[in-house]
Protein backbone atom coordinates (compact mmCIF):
# COMPACT_ATOMS: atom_id res chain seq x y z
CA MET A 1 5.29 -24.39 -6.62
CA THR A 2 4.73 -26.24 -9.81
CA GLU A 3 3.53 -23.66 -12.47
CA ARG A 4 -0.10 -22.41 -11.57
CA ASN A 5 -2.15 -20.56 -13.69
CA LEU A 6 -3.21 -17.41 -11.76
CA THR A 7 -5.27 -16.03 -14.68
CA LEU A 8 -8.05 -15.92 -12.43
CA LEU A 9 -6.23 -14.63 -9.65
CA THR A 10 -8.58 -11.75 -9.81
CA ASP A 11 -11.42 -9.46 -8.24
CA PHE A 12 -14.82 -10.19 -10.32
CA TYR A 13 -15.11 -6.40 -11.19
CA GLU A 14 -12.18 -6.20 -12.91
CA ILE A 15 -13.59 -9.03 -15.37
CA THR A 16 -16.80 -6.99 -16.01
CA MET A 17 -15.34 -3.54 -16.30
CA MET A 18 -13.34 -5.89 -19.20
CA GLN A 19 -16.07 -6.34 -20.72
CA GLY A 20 -17.60 -2.72 -20.46
CA TYR A 21 -14.65 -1.54 -22.12
CA TYR A 22 -14.88 -4.14 -24.75
CA LYS A 23 -18.64 -3.51 -25.28
CA GLU A 24 -17.86 0.05 -25.44
CA ASN A 25 -14.79 -0.30 -27.82
CA ARG A 26 -12.71 1.24 -25.26
CA ASN A 27 -8.93 0.29 -25.61
CA ASP A 28 -7.27 3.35 -25.04
CA ILE A 29 -3.52 3.03 -23.70
CA VAL A 30 -3.12 4.26 -19.71
CA VAL A 31 -1.30 4.17 -17.15
CA PHE A 32 -1.78 2.88 -13.74
CA ASP A 33 0.86 3.15 -10.84
CA ALA A 34 0.65 1.01 -8.00
CA PHE A 35 2.08 2.33 -4.68
CA TYR A 36 1.27 2.77 -1.42
CA ARG A 37 0.42 5.49 1.40
CA ARG A 38 1.55 4.49 4.46
CA ASN A 39 4.97 2.37 5.83
CA PRO A 40 4.18 -0.39 7.46
CA SER A 41 4.55 -0.51 11.36
CA ASP A 42 4.72 3.29 11.01
CA GLY A 43 8.23 2.96 10.16
CA GLY A 44 10.59 5.21 8.36
CA TYR A 45 10.52 3.17 4.72
CA ALA A 46 9.87 -0.45 3.27
CA VAL A 47 11.23 -2.59 1.46
CA CYS A 48 9.74 -4.05 -2.02
CA ALA A 49 9.63 -7.66 -3.27
CA GLY A 50 7.58 -9.61 -5.60
CA LEU A 51 8.53 -8.77 -8.88
CA ALA A 52 9.76 -12.30 -9.67
CA GLN A 53 6.24 -13.51 -9.38
CA VAL A 54 4.64 -10.53 -11.00
CA ILE A 55 7.13 -11.34 -14.10
CA ASP A 56 5.90 -15.16 -13.98
CA TYR A 57 2.28 -14.10 -13.58
CA ILE A 58 2.26 -11.62 -16.70
CA LYS A 59 4.51 -14.70 -18.86
CA ASN A 60 1.31 -17.37 -18.23
CA LEU A 61 -1.26 -14.97 -18.15
CA HIS A 62 -3.92 -16.52 -20.37
CA PHE A 63 -7.60 -17.63 -20.03
CA GLU A 64 -7.65 -21.58 -20.51
CA LYS A 65 -10.92 -23.42 -21.66
CA GLY A 66 -12.06 -24.12 -18.38
CA ASP A 67 -11.45 -20.66 -17.11
CA ILE A 68 -13.63 -19.24 -19.97
CA ASP A 69 -16.46 -21.83 -18.76
CA PHE A 70 -16.88 -20.91 -15.71
CA LEU A 71 -17.54 -17.12 -16.52
CA ARG A 72 -19.91 -18.31 -19.32
CA ASN A 73 -21.78 -20.35 -16.10
CA THR A 74 -21.98 -16.92 -14.13
CA GLY A 75 -24.19 -15.53 -16.98
CA MET A 76 -22.51 -12.50 -16.75
CA PHE A 77 -20.57 -12.40 -19.93
CA GLU A 78 -21.36 -12.59 -23.70
CA GLU A 79 -19.83 -14.74 -26.02
CA GLU A 80 -18.07 -12.41 -28.34
CA PHE A 81 -16.38 -10.95 -25.07
CA LEU A 82 -15.71 -14.95 -23.88
CA SER A 83 -14.51 -15.33 -27.20
CA TYR A 84 -11.96 -12.11 -27.06
CA LEU A 85 -10.66 -13.76 -23.57
CA ALA A 86 -9.41 -17.11 -25.23
CA THR A 87 -6.81 -15.28 -27.02
CA PHE A 88 -6.04 -12.53 -24.40
CA ARG A 89 -2.44 -12.25 -23.66
CA PHE A 90 -0.74 -8.87 -22.54
CA THR A 91 1.01 -7.17 -24.98
CA GLY A 92 1.77 -3.76 -23.31
CA SER A 93 4.77 -2.34 -20.93
CA ILE A 94 5.64 -2.38 -17.33
CA TYR A 95 8.14 -0.49 -15.61
CA ALA A 96 9.39 -1.54 -11.69
CA ILE A 97 11.98 -0.62 -8.81
CA PRO A 98 13.82 -3.80 -8.45
CA GLU A 99 13.36 -5.91 -5.63
CA GLY A 100 15.20 -5.18 -2.69
CA SER A 101 15.23 -1.49 -2.91
CA VAL A 102 14.03 0.59 -0.03
CA VAL A 103 10.93 2.44 -0.68
CA PHE A 104 8.46 5.16 0.44
CA PRO A 105 5.01 6.28 0.20
CA MET A 106 3.11 7.68 -2.70
CA GLU A 107 5.89 6.40 -5.20
CA PRO A 108 5.24 3.93 -8.15
CA LEU A 109 6.53 0.71 -7.31
CA VAL A 110 5.08 -0.75 -10.44
CA LYS A 111 3.91 1.03 -13.70
CA VAL A 112 1.96 -0.49 -15.87
CA ILE A 113 1.47 1.14 -19.52
CA ALA A 114 -1.07 -1.08 -21.13
CA PRO A 115 -4.55 -1.21 -23.32
CA ILE A 116 -6.64 -0.15 -20.20
CA MET A 117 -8.59 -3.61 -20.62
CA GLU A 118 -5.09 -5.43 -19.70
CA ALA A 119 -3.80 -3.04 -17.39
CA GLN A 120 -7.03 -3.02 -15.72
CA PHE A 121 -7.39 -6.29 -15.53
CA VAL A 122 -3.80 -7.20 -14.07
CA GLU A 123 -4.42 -5.09 -10.98
CA THR A 124 -5.13 -7.97 -8.41
CA ALA A 125 -2.55 -10.28 -9.19
CA ILE A 126 0.03 -7.07 -9.03
CA LEU A 127 -1.30 -5.92 -5.84
CA THR A 128 -1.69 -8.88 -4.28
CA LEU A 129 1.88 -10.31 -5.09
CA VAL A 130 3.49 -7.03 -4.50
CA ASN A 131 1.55 -6.26 -1.07
CA HIS A 132 2.38 -9.08 0.81
CA GLN A 133 5.92 -9.68 0.05
CA SER A 134 6.90 -6.39 0.59
CA LEU A 135 5.09 -6.20 4.00
CA ILE A 136 7.26 -9.10 4.77
CA ALA A 137 10.56 -8.17 3.64
CA THR A 138 9.89 -5.05 5.59
CA LYS A 139 9.20 -6.75 8.68
CA ALA A 140 12.25 -8.69 7.89
CA ALA A 141 14.49 -5.54 7.73
CA ARG A 142 13.20 -4.23 10.80
CA VAL A 143 14.02 -7.54 12.97
CA CYS A 144 17.58 -7.82 11.51
CA HIS A 145 18.31 -4.19 12.18
CA ALA A 146 17.09 -5.01 16.03
CA SER A 147 19.73 -7.89 16.48
CA LYS A 148 22.89 -5.46 15.56
CA GLY A 149 24.27 -8.19 13.02
CA GLY A 150 22.93 -11.43 14.88
CA GLY A 151 21.88 -13.87 12.47
CA VAL A 152 18.29 -13.81 11.59
CA MET A 153 16.63 -16.68 11.11
CA GLU A 154 13.12 -17.48 9.88
CA PHE A 155 11.00 -20.00 11.49
CA GLY A 156 7.48 -19.05 10.81
CA LEU A 157 6.09 -21.61 8.19
CA ARG A 158 3.74 -23.14 10.91
CA ARG A 159 2.14 -20.39 11.48
CA ALA A 160 1.82 -18.66 8.25
CA GLN A 161 -1.60 -18.19 6.73
CA GLY A 162 -1.43 -21.04 4.76
CA PRO A 163 1.51 -22.88 2.34
CA ASP A 164 1.56 -19.44 -0.37
CA ALA A 165 2.25 -17.20 2.58
CA GLY A 166 4.45 -19.61 4.15
CA ILE A 167 6.54 -20.08 0.60
CA TYR A 168 6.68 -16.81 -0.75
CA GLY A 169 7.00 -15.36 2.76
CA ALA A 170 10.56 -16.83 3.58
CA ARG A 171 11.51 -15.66 0.36
CA ALA A 172 10.91 -12.31 1.30
CA ALA A 173 12.41 -12.51 4.59
CA MET A 174 15.68 -13.87 2.89
CA ILE A 175 15.31 -10.50 0.81
CA GLY A 176 14.80 -8.53 3.58
CA GLY A 177 17.85 -9.92 5.42
CA CYS A 178 17.64 -13.38 7.20
CA ILE A 179 20.55 -15.70 6.79
CA GLY A 180 17.68 -19.08 5.99
CA THR A 181 14.96 -20.58 6.51
CA SER A 182 13.61 -23.21 8.45
CA ASN A 183 10.44 -23.70 5.20
CA VAL A 184 12.96 -26.66 3.00
CA LEU A 185 10.54 -26.43 0.11
CA ALA A 186 11.29 -22.55 -0.07
CA ALA A 187 14.97 -22.99 0.53
CA GLN A 188 14.67 -25.68 -2.78
CA GLU A 189 13.00 -23.35 -4.74
CA PHE A 190 14.65 -20.19 -4.21
CA SER A 191 18.09 -21.92 -3.21
CA VAL A 192 18.54 -20.44 0.13
CA PRO A 193 19.96 -22.01 3.33
CA ALA A 194 17.76 -24.25 5.23
CA LEU A 195 18.53 -23.95 8.54
CA GLY A 196 17.08 -25.68 12.38
CA THR A 197 17.89 -27.38 15.28
CA HIS A 198 15.53 -30.03 16.99
CA ALA A 199 12.04 -29.75 18.60
CA HIS A 200 11.49 -30.72 22.56
CA SER A 201 10.20 -33.62 21.63
CA TRP A 202 13.27 -34.93 19.95
CA ILE A 203 14.43 -34.51 23.86
CA MET A 204 11.67 -35.85 25.58
CA SER A 205 11.66 -39.11 23.14
CA PHE A 206 14.98 -40.45 24.91
CA PRO A 207 15.29 -41.95 28.49
CA ASP A 208 17.05 -38.58 29.43
CA GLU A 209 18.35 -35.38 27.96
CA LEU A 210 21.94 -36.35 27.61
CA THR A 211 21.51 -38.86 25.63
CA ALA A 212 19.41 -36.96 23.45
CA PHE A 213 22.24 -34.42 23.34
CA ARG A 214 24.71 -36.80 22.32
CA THR A 215 22.49 -39.05 20.01
CA TYR A 216 22.05 -35.49 17.91
CA ALA A 217 25.46 -34.41 18.05
CA SER A 218 26.73 -37.71 16.54
CA LEU A 219 24.09 -37.66 14.08
CA TYR A 220 25.12 -33.79 13.07
CA PRO A 221 28.72 -33.08 14.05
CA GLN A 222 28.76 -29.91 11.78
CA ASN A 223 26.05 -27.95 13.33
CA ALA A 224 25.71 -29.18 16.60
CA THR A 225 22.94 -26.85 18.16
CA LEU A 226 21.04 -28.08 21.30
CA LEU A 227 17.71 -27.28 22.68
CA VAL A 228 18.38 -26.40 26.34
CA ASP A 229 14.95 -26.01 28.18
CA THR A 230 13.06 -28.67 27.72
CA TYR A 231 13.38 -29.51 31.36
CA ASP A 232 15.31 -26.84 33.35
CA THR A 233 17.47 -24.13 31.39
CA LEU A 234 20.09 -23.93 33.78
CA ARG A 235 20.45 -26.93 35.94
CA SER A 236 20.09 -29.62 33.46
CA GLY A 237 19.92 -28.36 29.64
CA VAL A 238 23.17 -26.00 29.52
CA PRO A 239 25.28 -28.63 32.12
CA ASN A 240 24.44 -31.50 29.76
CA ALA A 241 25.49 -29.61 26.71
CA ILE A 242 28.62 -28.71 28.10
CA LYS A 243 28.96 -32.66 28.74
CA VAL A 244 28.40 -33.28 25.10
CA PHE A 245 30.51 -30.62 24.02
CA THR A 246 33.29 -31.66 26.37
CA GLU A 247 33.25 -34.94 24.96
CA LEU A 248 33.08 -34.12 21.39
CA GLN A 249 36.64 -32.21 22.36
CA ASP A 250 38.36 -34.91 23.93
CA ALA A 251 37.27 -37.31 21.13
CA GLY A 252 38.86 -35.02 18.48
CA LYS A 253 35.31 -34.31 17.25
CA MET A 254 34.63 -30.81 17.79
CA PRO A 255 31.92 -29.33 15.56
CA THR A 256 33.16 -26.58 13.30
CA ARG A 257 29.65 -24.86 14.66
CA TYR A 258 27.96 -25.64 17.87
CA GLY A 259 25.70 -23.97 20.30
CA ILE A 260 22.94 -23.56 22.45
CA ARG A 261 19.09 -22.60 21.90
CA LEU A 262 16.75 -21.18 24.23
CA ASP A 263 13.34 -21.32 23.56
CA SER A 264 11.19 -20.08 26.76
CA GLY A 265 11.95 -18.37 30.01
CA ASP A 266 13.73 -14.75 30.41
CA LEU A 267 16.07 -14.58 27.41
CA SER A 268 18.39 -12.01 28.67
CA TYR A 269 18.76 -13.24 32.15
CA LEU A 270 19.24 -16.99 31.11
CA SER A 271 21.47 -15.88 28.20
CA LYS A 272 23.95 -14.12 30.33
CA MET A 273 23.78 -17.12 32.61
CA ALA A 274 24.45 -20.05 29.96
CA ARG A 275 27.16 -17.85 28.49
CA LYS A 276 29.19 -17.35 31.80
CA MET A 277 28.85 -21.13 32.15
CA LEU A 278 30.07 -22.01 28.67
CA ASP A 279 32.90 -19.82 29.41
CA ASP A 280 33.91 -21.07 32.08
CA ALA A 281 34.24 -24.52 30.71
CA GLY A 282 36.08 -23.01 27.74
CA PHE A 283 33.48 -23.18 24.93
CA THR A 284 34.08 -19.51 24.22
CA ASP A 285 33.10 -19.95 20.77
CA ALA A 286 29.81 -21.79 21.08
CA LEU A 287 26.87 -19.71 19.72
CA ILE A 288 23.55 -18.78 21.71
CA CYS A 289 20.49 -18.96 19.73
CA ALA A 290 17.14 -17.47 21.04
CA SER A 291 13.46 -18.16 19.70
CA SER A 292 10.18 -18.15 21.82
CA ASP A 293 7.97 -15.37 19.83
CA LEU A 294 10.51 -12.60 19.01
CA ASP A 295 10.00 -9.43 17.02
CA GLU A 296 12.26 -6.43 16.81
CA TYR A 297 11.05 -4.61 19.78
CA ILE A 298 11.86 -7.58 22.02
CA ILE A 299 14.83 -8.00 20.08
CA GLU A 300 15.99 -4.69 20.57
CA SER A 301 14.89 -4.72 24.41
CA LEU A 302 17.12 -7.79 24.91
CA ASN A 303 20.09 -6.14 23.20
CA LEU A 304 19.53 -3.01 25.40
CA GLN A 305 19.89 -5.46 28.31
CA GLY A 306 23.13 -6.89 27.22
CA ALA A 307 21.91 -10.14 26.68
CA LYS A 308 24.06 -12.76 24.88
CA ILE A 309 22.10 -13.73 22.35
CA ASP A 310 24.41 -14.53 18.90
CA THR A 311 21.31 -15.76 16.72
CA TRP A 312 17.65 -15.12 16.42
CA GLY A 313 15.21 -17.46 15.34
CA VAL A 314 11.56 -15.64 14.65
CA GLY A 315 8.57 -17.33 13.74
CA THR A 316 4.92 -15.85 14.60
CA ASN A 317 5.78 -12.50 14.33
CA LEU A 318 8.01 -12.02 11.44
CA ILE A 319 5.91 -14.49 8.97
CA THR A 320 2.47 -12.77 9.70
CA SER A 321 4.00 -9.28 10.38
CA LYS A 322 1.86 -9.80 13.57
CA ASP A 323 1.56 -6.10 14.15
CA CYS A 324 1.09 -4.70 11.13
CA PRO A 325 -0.64 -7.51 8.96
CA ALA A 326 -1.51 -5.82 5.80
CA PHE A 327 0.96 -3.43 3.25
CA GLY A 328 -1.61 -1.40 1.83
CA GLY A 329 -0.78 -0.99 -1.88
CA VAL A 330 -3.01 0.28 -4.16
CA TYR A 331 -3.43 0.51 -7.73
CA LYS A 332 -4.65 3.53 -9.70
CA LEU A 333 -5.07 5.13 -13.20
CA ALA A 334 -3.16 8.05 -13.04
CA ALA A 335 -2.83 8.71 -17.53
CA ILE A 336 -5.06 8.26 -20.53
CA GLU A 337 -3.12 8.76 -24.22
CA GLU A 338 -5.12 10.94 -26.29
CA GLY A 339 -3.20 12.17 -29.61
CA GLY A 340 -0.23 10.05 -28.89
CA GLU A 341 0.59 11.93 -25.55
CA PHE A 342 -0.66 11.10 -22.12
CA VAL A 343 -3.10 13.36 -20.67
CA PRO A 344 -2.82 13.02 -16.54
CA LYS A 345 -5.74 11.91 -14.74
CA ILE A 346 -5.98 12.42 -11.08
CA LYS A 347 -8.17 11.27 -7.79
CA LEU A 348 -9.23 13.34 -5.66
CA SER A 349 -10.66 12.33 -1.85
CA GLU A 350 -11.44 14.44 1.21
CA ASN A 351 -8.58 12.47 2.43
CA PRO A 352 -5.80 14.35 1.43
CA ALA A 353 -3.69 11.62 1.67
CA LYS A 354 -5.73 9.61 -1.02
CA ILE A 355 -5.09 12.73 -4.01
CA THR A 356 -3.23 10.37 -6.20
CA ASN A 357 -0.34 11.96 -8.19
CA PRO A 358 -1.12 12.13 -11.98
CA GLY A 359 0.68 11.49 -15.28
CA ASN A 360 3.36 9.06 -16.75
CA LYS A 361 5.70 9.39 -13.98
CA THR A 362 8.95 8.13 -12.99
CA VAL A 363 11.13 8.04 -9.78
CA PHE A 364 14.56 9.52 -9.05
CA ARG A 365 16.82 9.09 -5.72
CA ILE A 366 18.76 11.85 -4.51
CA TYR A 367 22.07 11.05 -2.61
CA ASP A 368 24.52 12.95 -0.40
CA LYS A 369 27.47 12.39 -2.25
CA GLU A 370 29.74 12.73 0.77
CA THR A 371 27.71 10.07 2.81
CA GLY A 372 25.96 8.24 -0.18
CA LYS A 373 22.76 8.74 2.17
CA ILE A 374 19.12 8.95 0.68
CA LYS A 375 18.74 13.07 0.60
CA ALA A 376 14.92 12.63 -1.01
CA ASP A 377 13.29 11.28 -3.41
CA LEU A 378 11.82 13.18 -6.44
CA ILE A 379 8.50 12.02 -8.67
CA ALA A 380 8.74 13.63 -11.94
CA PHE A 381 7.31 13.08 -15.51
CA ALA A 382 9.04 10.16 -17.36
CA ASP A 383 10.21 12.31 -20.01
CA GLU A 384 11.82 14.86 -17.03
CA THR A 385 16.10 14.62 -16.10
CA ILE A 386 18.15 15.78 -13.81
CA ASN A 387 21.38 16.94 -14.56
CA GLU A 388 24.21 16.41 -12.03
CA ALA A 389 25.99 19.38 -12.66
CA GLU A 390 23.11 22.25 -12.05
CA PRO A 391 21.40 22.76 -8.89
CA LEU A 392 18.52 21.04 -7.85
CA LEU A 393 15.53 22.03 -6.15
CA LEU A 394 13.29 20.07 -3.58
CA PHE A 395 10.44 21.37 -1.79
CA ASP A 396 7.73 19.87 0.30
CA PRO A 397 4.28 19.41 -2.08
CA VAL A 398 2.20 20.43 0.83
CA SER A 399 4.15 22.76 2.91
CA THR A 400 5.61 24.05 -0.15
CA TRP A 401 7.38 27.35 1.85
CA LYS A 402 10.24 24.13 2.90
CA LYS A 403 12.83 24.61 0.09
CA THR A 404 16.38 23.45 0.18
CA ILE A 405 18.54 23.63 -2.87
CA LEU A 406 21.54 21.08 -3.42
CA GLU A 407 24.65 22.60 -5.20
CA PRO A 408 26.18 21.08 -8.05
CA GLY A 409 28.98 18.54 -6.65
CA THR A 410 27.23 18.09 -3.58
CA TYR A 411 24.04 15.40 -4.91
CA THR A 412 24.19 12.21 -7.39
CA VAL A 413 20.87 10.81 -8.77
CA ARG A 414 19.52 7.02 -9.71
CA GLU A 415 16.12 6.69 -11.49
CA LEU A 416 14.37 3.67 -9.72
CA LEU A 417 12.08 2.62 -12.16
CA VAL A 418 13.19 0.14 -14.54
CA PRO A 419 11.79 -1.45 -17.84
CA VAL A 420 10.52 -4.89 -16.92
CA PHE A 421 8.14 -5.57 -19.61
CA ILE A 422 8.11 -3.83 -23.08
CA ASP A 423 5.29 -4.74 -25.98
CA GLY A 424 4.75 -7.44 -23.78
CA THR A 425 8.16 -9.30 -24.09
CA CYS A 426 9.87 -9.40 -20.78
CA VAL A 427 13.17 -7.54 -21.22
CA TYR A 428 14.04 -8.32 -17.30
CA GLU A 429 16.08 -11.01 -15.52
CA SER A 430 15.12 -11.40 -12.00
CA PRO A 431 18.08 -11.64 -9.88
CA SER A 432 18.23 -14.83 -7.18
CA VAL A 433 17.40 -14.68 -3.89
CA MET A 434 20.51 -14.36 -2.29
CA ASP A 435 21.42 -11.33 -4.67
CA ILE A 436 18.18 -10.09 -4.09
CA ARG A 437 19.18 -10.03 -0.68
CA ALA A 438 22.68 -8.48 -1.26
CA TYR A 439 21.62 -5.87 -3.10
CA CYS A 440 18.66 -4.82 -0.28
CA GLN A 441 21.82 -4.91 2.65
CA LYS A 442 23.13 -2.31 0.52
CA GLU A 443 20.15 -0.59 -0.10
CA LYS A 444 19.22 -0.55 3.72
CA ASP A 445 22.91 1.13 4.18
CA THR A 446 21.85 3.95 2.35
CA LEU A 447 19.10 5.06 5.15
CA TRP A 448 19.86 7.33 7.48
CA GLU A 449 20.03 5.56 11.21
CA GLU A 450 17.44 8.26 12.36
CA THR A 451 14.80 6.79 9.83
CA LYS A 452 15.68 2.95 10.73
CA ARG A 453 14.48 3.65 14.30
CA PHE A 454 11.34 1.98 15.66
CA SER A 455 9.92 4.97 17.53
CA ASN A 456 9.09 8.38 15.59
CA PRO A 457 11.44 7.55 12.43
CA GLN A 458 12.81 10.74 10.55
CA GLU A 459 10.54 10.44 7.46
CA VAL A 460 12.83 10.70 4.31
CA TYR A 461 11.37 13.86 2.03
CA ILE A 462 9.36 12.64 -1.05
CA ASP A 463 8.87 15.27 -3.04
CA LEU A 464 7.22 15.88 -6.78
CA SER A 465 9.01 17.85 -9.47
CA GLU A 466 8.09 21.51 -10.07
CA ARG A 467 6.54 20.80 -13.36
CA LEU A 468 4.84 17.20 -11.73
CA TYR A 469 3.75 19.48 -8.90
CA ARG A 470 2.15 22.69 -10.78
CA THR A 471 0.16 19.96 -13.39
CA LYS A 472 -1.43 18.58 -10.12
CA GLN A 473 -2.42 21.85 -9.13
CA ASP A 474 -3.72 22.41 -11.84
CA LEU A 475 -5.82 19.27 -12.38
CA LEU A 476 -6.96 20.45 -8.41
CA ASP A 477 -7.88 23.83 -9.57
CA ARG A 478 -9.77 22.66 -12.93
CA ILE A 479 -11.96 20.05 -10.90
CA HIS A 480 -12.85 22.54 -8.07
CA SER A 481 -13.96 25.36 -10.79
CA GLU A 482 -16.18 22.89 -12.47
CA ASN A 483 -17.85 21.34 -9.33
CA LYS A 484 -18.75 25.22 -8.33
CA ARG A 485 -20.29 25.52 -11.46
CA HIS A 486 -22.31 22.09 -11.08
CA VAL A 487 -23.37 23.42 -7.18
């Protein structure tokens, strides 16, 4: 996790476009938006993450001699442009929605305002940093919601797609709500709890299971969680764990935290039987932890079956977001400065979902004043404001006849985008991962339960301000008219 120069962590065409802008003497100030079009796993929301790494990347953005030599050897770049790269730095401004926020499709998670060469170049790195962590943070939030308050431990390092995915995936999982990670390097780097028990090999390395349990409990008296399914969960594992707990109790050395872990078999049945055995032996405060290829759907099902599981170890399906392996964030040009004003730009597509929202924008979150729950998000131009003392019109930007008016005193407003860089200088200090996690918990509490369900969640309304809507329609009409003239 030592500092790395990620300047060449980009797509080749970003640099060829830069050279094209350079040769054409194009360095207009532009606005780019990083956003996504569809919630992961067909859910009702996402959790944004990765901003701290974007900040580190921008701060450290520079071309070293070896980078320039590599580009020279491709034969694609002229010496004058390579000389320009030698002094290249980011001088623009970046606005972003803070990490841990719940977010929705089409709204800018990161907004870059910079000379076009700079704004274009940072596209790939911003997307890879934000897309991956937002995906895993969202998955973790879903898993934690399914656990109904039971702690979720991130156990996925050995199944992650490489060290970076394991390290930053663990960070994102903590933001999404996990209580700790098995990844020791991530725990060290981000000051989060390192958690874990022991493997089946520990049990198998001893002459018998009871000796293995006794040895482990004596080594770690403050956290004696014993893996009970190596040989036979109910005939051997749980009875031997109970023997060890009884011995510790009789010796006055009862652990402050203790219990068993189930890692195979019918977790619902085994947890119920194990709970009864532990309770009958007087160990009612013993925790039962479960692992074994869990995800939010399995955890939800186990809870519906009345499984007696207190904590969950979730690995492969969390760290890889197995059912939805990509976040799908994109980065699109939204405006170009002309004469001191930003002229909105729009991308068209035969797929309506791919038509962009033009202009230099911000995002307002509208809350129900009585409940504190999200009513809608409103994408507007950056210079627009909302007065809570006035009625607020909200309307569906597709089905425009669907309208509602929020009366004064019934709603509150928060602007989501905050300044991160201004004219190349970082003006934002990233909170600790544990502070972001606490903030995310509060953010998730602003969602209606209907939005958090896994099947057919209620979508949060993402509306456009009337001015932005009209501008978008005018651009669409203008392009349509121009295309007709050229047919």
